[in-house]
Structure formats: structure tokens, C-alpha cells
Amino acid sequence: MYIKAALAFGTALALGACAPTPEQFESTPVLVETAQGTVTCQLYTLSQVTWDRSIHRPASMDVRTADTICRNEGQRIMDGGTPVLAPTVAAL
């Protein structure tokens, strides 16, 4: 009885440790120009847009709108569009 419970717990713990997180799929941020200003998007994988979100937006834009813009940009890139990558700084 206790062995089965221990094995079930151990299996659940091992599988939980393997669950992917969005951070494991982060891409280089992309820039999207809008009428209100530039939105910086963090896209995650080229097979879905569920995790795509804004990481910087104009002050006049709400988070929900910025996140929608980012998911739309992720879809555009999935459909073959070319991303506009945000400038990055090389690590020293």
C-alpha cells in the first residue's frame, strides 16, 4: 500500500519537474510599431501564441491591448512574416 503511494508521488514529482515553462522558450524580443508607439513583445515558440505577451508598451496603452498586439505579431511571424528584433546587448 505505502509502496504504491510512494511510487505514485515520486512519478508525479518527476513529471512535474519536467513540465515546460514559458521561460524555456523565450525568443529575442520583437518590436511592433503602432499608432500609439512601439510595443516590445516577448514571443516564445513558433508553434503557438498562447504565451506571447508585451514586456514594454506606451503609457497610453493598456496591458490587454498590448498583449493582443503581441499575440497577433506572433501569429504573423508563424504565418511567415519577418520579425523586427529588439536590439540586444552582448554579455561581457
PDB file of N, CA and C in Angstrom:
ATOM      1  N   MET A   1       0.823  -1.193   0.000  1.00  0.00           N
ATOM      2  CA  MET A   1       0.000   0.000   0.000  1.00  0.00           C
ATOM      3  C   MET A   1       0.862   1.250   0.000  1.00  0.00           C
ATOM      4  N   TYR A   2       1.819   1.325   0.943  1.00  0.00           N
ATOM      5  CA  TYR A   2       2.674   2.503   1.047  1.00  0.00           C
ATOM      6  C   TYR A   2       3.628   2.611  -0.145  1.00  0.00           C
ATOM      7  N   ILE A   3       4.014   1.457  -0.680  1.00  0.00           N
ATOM      8  CA  ILE A   3       4.924   1.456  -1.826  1.00  0.00           C
ATOM      9  C   ILE A   3       4.231   2.069  -3.045  1.00  0.00           C
ATOM     10  N   LYS A   4       2.984   1.701  -3.289  1.00  0.00           N
ATOM     11  CA  LYS A   4       2.244   2.257  -4.422  1.00  0.00           C
ATOM     12  C   LYS A   4       2.073   3.762  -4.271  1.00  0.00           C
ATOM     13  N   ALA A   5       1.757   4.213  -3.084  1.00  0.00           N
ATOM     14  CA  ALA A   5       1.588   5.644  -2.846  1.00  0.00           C
ATOM     15  C   ALA A   5       2.906   6.379  -3.052  1.00  0.00           C
ATOM     16  N   ALA A   6       3.991   5.811  -2.562  1.00  0.00           N
ATOM     17  CA  ALA A   6       5.308   6.429  -2.723  1.00  0.00           C
ATOM     18  C   ALA A   6       5.703   6.482  -4.196  1.00  0.00           C
ATOM     19  N   LEU A   7       5.428   5.409  -4.932  1.00  0.00           N
ATOM     20  CA  LEU A   7       5.744   5.396  -6.360  1.00  0.00           C
ATOM     21  C   LEU A   7       4.898   6.415  -7.122  1.00  0.00           C
ATOM     22  N   ALA A   8       3.627   6.512  -6.794  1.00  0.00           N
ATOM     23  CA  ALA A   8       2.750   7.485  -7.454  1.00  0.00           C
ATOM     24  C   ALA A   8       3.221   8.907  -7.163  1.00  0.00           C
ATOM     25  N   PHE A   9       3.579   9.177  -5.923  1.00  0.00           N
ATOM     26  CA  PHE A   9       4.068  10.501  -5.548  1.00  0.00           C
ATOM     27  C   PHE A   9       5.381  10.811  -6.268  1.00  0.00           C
ATOM     28  N   GLY A  10       6.288   9.845  -6.302  1.00  0.00           N
ATOM     29  CA  GLY A  10       7.572  10.037  -6.975  1.00  0.00           C
ATOM     30  C   GLY A  10       7.405  10.283  -8.465  1.00  0.00           C
ATOM     31  N   THR A  11       6.491   9.565  -9.086  1.00  0.00           N
ATOM     32  CA  THR A  11       6.222   9.748 -10.513  1.00  0.00           C
ATOM     33  C   THR A  11       5.649  11.137 -10.782  1.00  0.00           C
ATOM     34  N   ALA A  12       4.681  11.546  -9.969  1.00  0.00           N
ATOM     35  CA  ALA A  12       4.082  12.872 -10.135  1.00  0.00           C
ATOM     36  C   ALA A  12       5.125  13.963  -9.941  1.00  0.00           C
ATOM     37  N   LEU A  13       6.000  13.808  -8.974  1.00  0.00           N
ATOM     38  CA  LEU A  13       7.052  14.785  -8.723  1.00  0.00           C
ATOM     39  C   LEU A  13       8.027  14.854  -9.892  1.00  0.00           C
ATOM     40  N   ALA A  14       8.407  13.708 -10.417  1.00  0.00           N
ATOM     41  CA  ALA A  14       9.342  13.676 -11.549  1.00  0.00           C
ATOM     42  C   ALA A  14       8.733  14.304 -12.794  1.00  0.00           C
ATOM     43  N   LEU A  15       7.479  14.004 -13.066  1.00  0.00           N
ATOM     44  CA  LEU A  15       6.819  14.579 -14.242  1.00  0.00           C
ATOM     45  C   LEU A  15       6.593  16.075 -14.084  1.00  0.00           C
ATOM     46  N   GLY A  16       6.307  16.507 -12.880  1.00  0.00           N
ATOM     47  CA  GLY A  16       6.111  17.931 -12.626  1.00  0.00           C
ATOM     48  C   GLY A  16       7.388  18.721 -12.848  1.00  0.00           C
ATOM     49  N   ALA A  17       8.521  18.135 -12.532  1.00  0.00           N
ATOM     50  CA  ALA A  17       9.799  18.812 -12.734  1.00  0.00           C
ATOM     51  C   ALA A  17      10.132  18.955 -14.216  1.00  0.00           C
ATOM     52  N   CYS A  18       9.550  18.143 -15.057  1.00  0.00           N
ATOM     53  CA  CYS A  18       9.816  18.178 -16.492  1.00  0.00           C
ATOM     54  C   CYS A  18       8.857  19.090 -17.252  1.00  0.00           C
ATOM     55  N   ALA A  19       7.852  19.606 -16.589  1.00  0.00           N
ATOM     56  CA  ALA A  19       6.858  20.442 -17.266  1.00  0.00           C
ATOM     57  C   ALA A  19       7.517  21.702 -17.802  1.00  0.00           C
ATOM     58  N   PRO A  20       7.311  22.007 -19.076  1.00  0.00           N
ATOM     59  CA  PRO A  20       7.944  23.196 -19.646  1.00  0.00           C
ATOM     60  C   PRO A  20       7.322  24.473 -19.089  1.00  0.00           C
ATOM     61  N   THR A  21       8.144  25.479 -18.974  1.00  0.00           N
ATOM     62  CA  THR A  21       7.679  26.802 -18.569  1.00  0.00           C
ATOM     63  C   THR A  21       7.925  27.761 -19.722  1.00  0.00           C
ATOM     64  N   PRO A  22       7.181  28.848 -19.803  1.00  0.00           N
ATOM     65  CA  PRO A  22       7.385  29.800 -20.897  1.00  0.00           C
ATOM     66  C   PRO A  22       8.828  30.291 -21.001  1.00  0.00           C
ATOM     67  N   GLU A  23       9.501  30.476 -19.870  1.00  0.00           N
ATOM     68  CA  GLU A  23      10.869  30.994 -19.880  1.00  0.00           C
ATOM     69  C   GLU A  23      11.828  30.121 -20.678  1.00  0.00           C
ATOM     70  N   GLN A  24      11.542  28.826 -20.761  1.00  0.00           N
ATOM     71  CA  GLN A  24      12.411  27.910 -21.505  1.00  0.00           C
ATOM     72  C   GLN A  24      12.312  28.122 -23.017  1.00  0.00           C
ATOM     73  N   PHE A  25      11.303  28.853 -23.479  1.00  0.00           N
ATOM     74  CA  PHE A  25      11.074  29.030 -24.903  1.00  0.00           C
ATOM     75  C   PHE A  25      11.215  30.486 -25.358  1.00  0.00           C
ATOM     76  N   GLU A  26      11.714  31.376 -24.480  1.00  0.00           N
ATOM     77  CA  GLU A  26      11.795  32.790 -24.828  1.00  0.00           C
ATOM     78  C   GLU A  26      12.668  33.020 -26.053  1.00  0.00           C
ATOM     79  N   SER A  27      12.189  33.900 -26.921  1.00  0.00           N
ATOM     80  CA  SER A  27      12.955  34.313 -28.092  1.00  0.00           C
ATOM     81  C   SER A  27      13.520  35.701 -27.818  1.00  0.00           C
ATOM     82  N   THR A  28      14.292  36.211 -28.768  1.00  0.00           N
ATOM     83  CA  THR A  28      14.709  37.598 -28.694  1.00  0.00           C
ATOM     84  C   THR A  28      13.457  38.450 -28.824  1.00  0.00           C
ATOM     85  N   PRO A  29      13.278  39.448 -27.957  1.00  0.00           N
ATOM     86  CA  PRO A  29      12.076  40.289 -28.058  1.00  0.00           C
ATOM     87  C   PRO A  29      11.954  40.940 -29.436  1.00  0.00           C
ATOM     88  N   VAL A  30      10.721  41.191 -29.845  1.00  0.00           N
ATOM     89  CA  VAL A  30      10.452  41.839 -31.126  1.00  0.00           C
ATOM     90  C   VAL A  30       9.731  43.163 -30.888  1.00  0.00           C
ATOM     91  N   LEU A  31       9.864  44.063 -31.842  1.00  0.00           N
ATOM     92  CA  LEU A  31       9.241  45.377 -31.774  1.00  0.00           C
ATOM     93  C   LEU A  31       8.084  45.451 -32.752  1.00  0.00           C
ATOM     94  N   VAL A  32       6.978  46.056 -32.301  1.00  0.00           N
ATOM     95  CA  VAL A  32       5.814  46.257 -33.154  1.00  0.00           C
ATOM     96  C   VAL A  32       5.449  47.739 -33.073  1.00  0.00           C
ATOM     97  N   GLU A  33       5.448  48.405 -34.227  1.00  0.00           N
ATOM     98  CA  GLU A  33       5.070  49.816 -34.284  1.00  0.00           C
ATOM     99  C   GLU A  33       3.553  49.926 -34.356  1.00  0.00           C
ATOM    100  N   THR A  34       2.974  50.761 -33.497  1.00  0.00           N
ATOM    101  CA  THR A  34       1.538  51.019 -33.509  1.00  0.00           C
ATOM    102  C   THR A  34       1.327  52.530 -33.566  1.00  0.00           C
ATOM    103  N   ALA A  35       0.088  52.952 -33.748  1.00  0.00           N
ATOM    104  CA  ALA A  35      -0.224  54.376 -33.773  1.00  0.00           C
ATOM    105  C   ALA A  35       0.089  55.043 -32.434  1.00  0.00           C
ATOM    106  N   GLN A  36       0.044  54.289 -31.343  1.00  0.00           N
ATOM    107  CA  GLN A  36       0.322  54.838 -30.020  1.00  0.00           C
ATOM    108  C   GLN A  36       1.801  54.788 -29.653  1.00  0.00           C
ATOM    109  N   GLY A  37       2.589  54.055 -30.405  1.00  0.00           N
ATOM    110  CA  GLY A  37       4.022  53.915 -30.121  1.00  0.00           C
ATOM    111  C   GLY A  37       4.465  52.473 -30.271  1.00  0.00           C
ATOM    112  N   THR A  38       5.689  52.223 -29.881  1.00  0.00           N
ATOM    113  CA  THR A  38       6.293  50.905 -30.046  1.00  0.00           C
ATOM    114  C   THR A  38       5.931  49.982 -28.884  1.00  0.00           C
ATOM    115  N   VAL A  39       5.542  48.761 -29.229  1.00  0.00           N
ATOM    116  CA  VAL A  39       5.280  47.714 -28.240  1.00  0.00           C
ATOM    117  C   VAL A  39       6.409  46.698 -28.376  1.00  0.00           C
ATOM    118  N   THR A  40       7.019  46.336 -27.252  1.00  0.00           N
ATOM    119  CA  THR A  40       8.043  45.296 -27.244  1.00  0.00           C
ATOM    120  C   THR A  40       7.385  44.009 -26.785  1.00  0.00           C
ATOM    121  N   CYS A  41       7.535  42.975 -27.602  1.00  0.00           N
ATOM    122  CA  CYS A  41       6.858  41.698 -27.338  1.00  0.00           C
ATOM    123  C   CYS A  41       7.864  40.603 -27.023  1.00  0.00           C
ATOM    124  N   GLN A  42       7.500  39.763 -26.062  1.00  0.00           N
ATOM    125  CA  GLN A  42       8.249  38.544 -25.792  1.00  0.00           C
ATOM    126  C   GLN A  42       7.460  37.408 -26.407  1.00  0.00           C
ATOM    127  N   LEU A  43       8.015  36.822 -27.458  1.00  0.00           N
ATOM    128  CA  LEU A  43       7.397  35.668 -28.111  1.00  0.00           C
ATOM    129  C   LEU A  43       8.112  34.425 -27.600  1.00  0.00           C
ATOM    130  N   TYR A  44       7.443  33.306 -27.649  1.00  0.00           N
ATOM    131  CA  TYR A  44       8.010  32.116 -27.021  1.00  0.00           C
ATOM    132  C   TYR A  44       8.307  30.974 -27.969  1.00  0.00           C
ATOM    133  N   THR A  45       7.403  30.586 -28.785  1.00  0.00           N
ATOM    134  CA  THR A  45       7.639  29.457 -29.679  1.00  0.00           C
ATOM    135  C   THR A  45       6.918  29.732 -30.990  1.00  0.00           C
ATOM    136  N   LEU A  46       7.405  29.170 -32.055  1.00  0.00           N
ATOM    137  CA  LEU A  46       6.799  29.413 -33.363  1.00  0.00           C
ATOM    138  C   LEU A  46       5.645  28.469 -33.669  1.00  0.00           C
ATOM    139  N   SER A  47       5.229  27.673 -32.680  1.00  0.00           N
ATOM    140  CA  SER A  47       4.132  26.745 -32.935  1.00  0.00           C
ATOM    141  C   SER A  47       2.827  27.159 -32.255  1.00  0.00           C
ATOM    142  N   GLN A  48       2.851  28.213 -31.420  1.00  0.00           N
ATOM    143  CA  GLN A  48       1.638  28.696 -30.763  1.00  0.00           C
ATOM    144  C   GLN A  48       1.883  30.119 -30.269  1.00  0.00           C
ATOM    145  N   VAL A  49       0.815  30.828 -29.948  1.00  0.00           N
ATOM    146  CA  VAL A  49       0.944  32.215 -29.489  1.00  0.00           C
ATOM    147  C   VAL A  49       0.341  32.418 -28.092  1.00  0.00           C
ATOM    148  N   THR A  50       0.001  31.352 -27.415  1.00  0.00           N
ATOM    149  CA  THR A  50      -0.674  31.433 -26.121  1.00  0.00           C
ATOM    150  C   THR A  50       0.128  32.202 -25.081  1.00  0.00           C
ATOM    151  N   TRP A  51       1.439  32.020 -25.042  1.00  0.00           N
ATOM    152  CA  TRP A  51       2.274  32.669 -24.027  1.00  0.00           C
ATOM    153  C   TRP A  51       2.764  34.048 -24.456  1.00  0.00           C
ATOM    154  N   ASP A  52       2.639  34.411 -25.725  1.00  0.00           N
ATOM    155  CA  ASP A  52       3.168  35.685 -26.215  1.00  0.00           C
ATOM    156  C   ASP A  52       2.556  36.842 -25.428  1.00  0.00           C
ATOM    157  N   ARG A  53       3.408  37.811 -25.033  1.00  0.00           N
ATOM    158  CA  ARG A  53       2.928  38.932 -24.219  1.00  0.00           C
ATOM    159  C   ARG A  53       3.821  40.150 -24.427  1.00  0.00           C
ATOM    160  N   SER A  54       3.315  41.286 -23.995  1.00  0.00           N
ATOM    161  CA  SER A  54       4.096  42.512 -24.077  1.00  0.00           C
ATOM    162  C   SER A  54       5.004  42.620 -22.857  1.00  0.00           C
ATOM    163  N   ILE A  55       6.203  43.149 -23.071  1.00  0.00           N
ATOM    164  CA  ILE A  55       7.107  43.409 -21.949  1.00  0.00           C
ATOM    165  C   ILE A  55       7.391  44.901 -21.822  1.00  0.00           C
ATOM    166  N   HIS A  56       6.965  45.680 -22.818  1.00  0.00           N
ATOM    167  CA  HIS A  56       7.030  47.145 -22.744  1.00  0.00           C
ATOM    168  C   HIS A  56       5.988  47.690 -23.704  1.00  0.00           C
ATOM    169  N   ARG A  57       5.311  48.745 -23.276  1.00  0.00           N
ATOM    170  CA  ARG A  57       4.239  49.327 -24.083  1.00  0.00           C
ATOM    171  C   ARG A  57       4.187  50.816 -23.821  1.00  0.00           C
ATOM    172  N   PRO A  58       3.570  51.577 -24.736  1.00  0.00           N
ATOM    173  CA  PRO A  58       3.388  53.005 -24.492  1.00  0.00           C
ATOM    174  C   PRO A  58       2.498  53.216 -23.256  1.00  0.00           C
ATOM    175  N   ALA A  59       2.731  54.298 -22.547  1.00  0.00           N
ATOM    176  CA  ALA A  59       1.949  54.588 -21.335  1.00  0.00           C
ATOM    177  C   ALA A  59       0.462  54.732 -21.632  1.00  0.00           C
ATOM    178  N   SER A  60       0.123  55.149 -22.838  1.00  0.00           N
ATOM    179  CA  SER A  60      -1.282  55.353 -23.193  1.00  0.00           C
ATOM    180  C   SER A  60      -2.004  54.064 -23.580  1.00  0.00           C
ATOM    181  N   MET A  61      -1.315  52.935 -23.557  1.00  0.00           N
ATOM    182  CA  MET A  61      -1.898  51.658 -23.992  1.00  0.00           C
ATOM    183  C   MET A  61      -2.057  50.724 -22.792  1.00  0.00           C
ATOM    184  N   ASP A  62      -3.208  50.074 -22.689  1.00  0.00           N
ATOM    185  CA  ASP A  62      -3.409  49.132 -21.579  1.00  0.00           C
ATOM    186  C   ASP A  62      -2.738  47.793 -21.893  1.00  0.00           C
ATOM    187  N   VAL A  63      -2.505  47.025 -20.855  1.00  0.00           N
ATOM    188  CA  VAL A  63      -1.799  45.743 -20.977  1.00  0.00           C
ATOM    189  C   VAL A  63      -2.534  44.779 -21.899  1.00  0.00           C
ATOM    190  N   ARG A  64      -3.833  44.713 -21.772  1.00  0.00           N
ATOM    191  CA  ARG A  64      -4.617  43.770 -22.588  1.00  0.00           C
ATOM    192  C   ARG A  64      -4.438  44.060 -24.084  1.00  0.00           C
ATOM    193  N   THR A  65      -4.489  45.335 -24.457  1.00  0.00           N
ATOM    194  CA  THR A  65      -4.305  45.710 -25.864  1.00  0.00           C
ATOM    195  C   THR A  65      -2.896  45.358 -26.332  1.00  0.00           C
ATOM    196  N   ALA A  66      -1.897  45.666 -25.503  1.00  0.00           N
ATOM    197  CA  ALA A  66      -0.509  45.365 -25.866  1.00  0.00           C
ATOM    198  C   ALA A  66      -0.294  43.862 -26.016  1.00  0.00           C
ATOM    199  N   ASP A  67      -0.860  43.074 -25.118  1.00  0.00           N
ATOM    200  CA  ASP A  67      -0.721  41.614 -25.216  1.00  0.00           C
ATOM    201  C   ASP A  67      -1.403  41.077 -26.478  1.00  0.00           C
ATOM    202  N   THR A  68      -2.539  41.649 -26.836  1.00  0.00           N
ATOM    203  CA  THR A  68      -3.229  41.239 -28.068  1.00  0.00           C
ATOM    204  C   THR A  68      -2.373  41.561 -29.287  1.00  0.00           C
ATOM    205  N   ILE A  69      -1.761  42.725 -29.283  1.00  0.00           N
ATOM    206  CA  ILE A  69      -0.856  43.104 -30.381  1.00  0.00           C
ATOM    207  C   ILE A  69       0.276  42.088 -30.488  1.00  0.00           C
ATOM    208  N   CYS A  70       0.807  41.661 -29.352  1.00  0.00           N
ATOM    209  CA  CYS A  70       1.903  40.689 -29.369  1.00  0.00           C
ATOM    210  C   CYS A  70       1.462  39.319 -29.866  1.00  0.00           C
ATOM    211  N   ARG A  71       0.285  38.880 -29.464  1.00  0.00           N
ATOM    212  CA  ARG A  71      -0.210  37.591 -29.972  1.00  0.00           C
ATOM    213  C   ARG A  71      -0.462  37.671 -31.477  1.00  0.00           C
ATOM    214  N   ASN A  72      -0.969  38.810 -31.938  1.00  0.00           N
ATOM    215  CA  ASN A  72      -1.168  38.999 -33.383  1.00  0.00           C
ATOM    216  C   ASN A  72       0.172  38.995 -34.116  1.00  0.00           C
ATOM    217  N   GLU A  73       1.186  39.611 -33.516  1.00  0.00           N
ATOM    218  CA  GLU A  73       2.517  39.607 -34.129  1.00  0.00           C
ATOM    219  C   GLU A  73       3.086  38.195 -34.158  1.00  0.00           C
ATOM    220  N   GLY A  74       2.893  37.440 -33.091  1.00  0.00           N
ATOM    221  CA  GLY A  74       3.340  36.050 -33.072  1.00  0.00           C
ATOM    222  C   GLY A  74       2.671  35.239 -34.177  1.00  0.00           C
ATOM    223  N   GLN A  75       1.395  35.463 -34.390  1.00  0.00           N
ATOM    224  CA  GLN A  75       0.674  34.775 -35.459  1.00  0.00           C
ATOM    225  C   GLN A  75       1.208  35.190 -36.820  1.00  0.00           C
ATOM    226  N   ARG A  76       1.476  36.485 -36.998  1.00  0.00           N
ATOM    227  CA  ARG A  76       2.011  36.980 -38.275  1.00  0.00           C
ATOM    228  C   ARG A  76       3.355  36.317 -38.579  1.00  0.00           C
ATOM    229  N   ILE A  77       4.194  36.185 -37.567  1.00  0.00           N
ATOM    230  CA  ILE A  77       5.503  35.547 -37.748  1.00  0.00           C
ATOM    231  C   ILE A  77       5.330  34.053 -38.024  1.00  0.00           C
ATOM    232  N   MET A  78       4.394  33.401 -37.324  1.00  0.00           N
ATOM    233  CA  MET A  78       4.116  31.981 -37.591  1.00  0.00           C
ATOM    234  C   MET A  78       3.669  31.773 -39.027  1.00  0.00           C
ATOM    235  N   ASP A  79       2.960  32.772 -39.572  1.00  0.00           N
ATOM    236  CA  ASP A  79       2.459  32.685 -40.945  1.00  0.00           C
ATOM    237  C   ASP A  79       3.526  33.043 -41.984  1.00  0.00           C
ATOM    238  N   GLY A  80       4.757  33.288 -41.530  1.00  0.00           N
ATOM    239  CA  GLY A  80       5.852  33.535 -42.468  1.00  0.00           C
ATOM    240  C   GLY A  80       6.384  34.954 -42.479  1.00  0.00           C
ATOM    241  N   GLY A  81       5.842  35.835 -41.648  1.00  0.00           N
ATOM    242  CA  GLY A  81       6.322  37.215 -41.589  1.00  0.00           C
ATOM    243  C   GLY A  81       7.703  37.298 -40.957  1.00  0.00           C
ATOM    244  N   THR A  82       8.400  38.372 -41.249  1.00  0.00           N
ATOM    245  CA  THR A  82       9.735  38.592 -40.715  1.00  0.00           C
ATOM    246  C   THR A  82       9.639  39.436 -39.445  1.00  0.00           C
ATOM    247  N   PRO A  83      10.238  38.981 -38.349  1.00  0.00           N
ATOM    248  CA  PRO A  83      10.173  39.748 -37.104  1.00  0.00           C
ATOM    249  C   PRO A  83      11.131  40.939 -37.133  1.00  0.00           C
ATOM    250  N   VAL A  84      10.789  41.990 -36.396  1.00  0.00           N
ATOM    251  CA  VAL A  84      11.697  43.113 -36.168  1.00  0.00           C
ATOM    252  C   VAL A  84      12.247  42.911 -34.772  1.00  0.00           C
ATOM    253  N   LEU A  85      13.485  42.417 -34.694  1.00  0.00           N
ATOM    254  CA  LEU A  85      14.075  42.071 -33.405  1.00  0.00           C
ATOM    255  C   LEU A  85      14.502  43.314 -32.649  1.00  0.00           C
ATOM    256  N   ALA A  86      14.301  43.293 -31.349  1.00  0.00           N
ATOM    257  CA  ALA A  86      14.741  44.385 -30.489  1.00  0.00           C
ATOM    258  C   ALA A  86      16.256  44.332 -30.374  1.00  0.00           C
ATOM    259  N   PRO A  87      16.912  45.479 -30.261  1.00  0.00           N
ATOM    260  CA  PRO A  87      18.360  45.478 -30.080  1.00  0.00           C
ATOM    261  C   PRO A  87      18.721  44.775 -28.776  1.00  0.00           C
ATOM    262  N   THR A  88      19.800  44.050 -28.788  1.00  0.00           N
ATOM    263  CA  THR A  88      20.269  43.358 -27.573  1.00  0.00           C
ATOM    264  C   THR A  88      21.686  43.786 -27.250  1.00  0.00           C
ATOM    265  N   VAL A  89      22.068  43.591 -26.025  1.00  0.00           N
ATOM    266  CA  VAL A  89      23.421  43.929 -25.567  1.00  0.00           C
ATOM    267  C   VAL A  89      24.130  42.617 -25.296  1.00  0.00           C
ATOM    268  N   ALA A  90      25.334  42.481 -25.836  1.00  0.00           N
ATOM    269  CA  ALA A  90      26.102  41.244 -25.624  1.00  0.00           C
ATOM    270  C   ALA A  90      26.583  41.191 -24.189  1.00  0.00           C
ATOM    271  N   ALA A  91      26.548  40.001 -23.594  1.00  0.00           N
ATOM    272  CA  ALA A  91      27.035  39.803 -22.234  1.00  0.00           C
ATOM    273  C   ALA A  91      28.558  39.911 -22.231  1.00  0.00           C
ATOM    274  N   LEU A  92      29.086  40.471 -21.168  1.00  0.00           N
ATOM    275  CA  LEU A  92      30.547  40.619 -21.052  1.00  0.00           C
ATOM    276  C   LEU A  92      31.182  39.385 -20.523  1.00  0.00           C
TER     277      LEU A  92
END
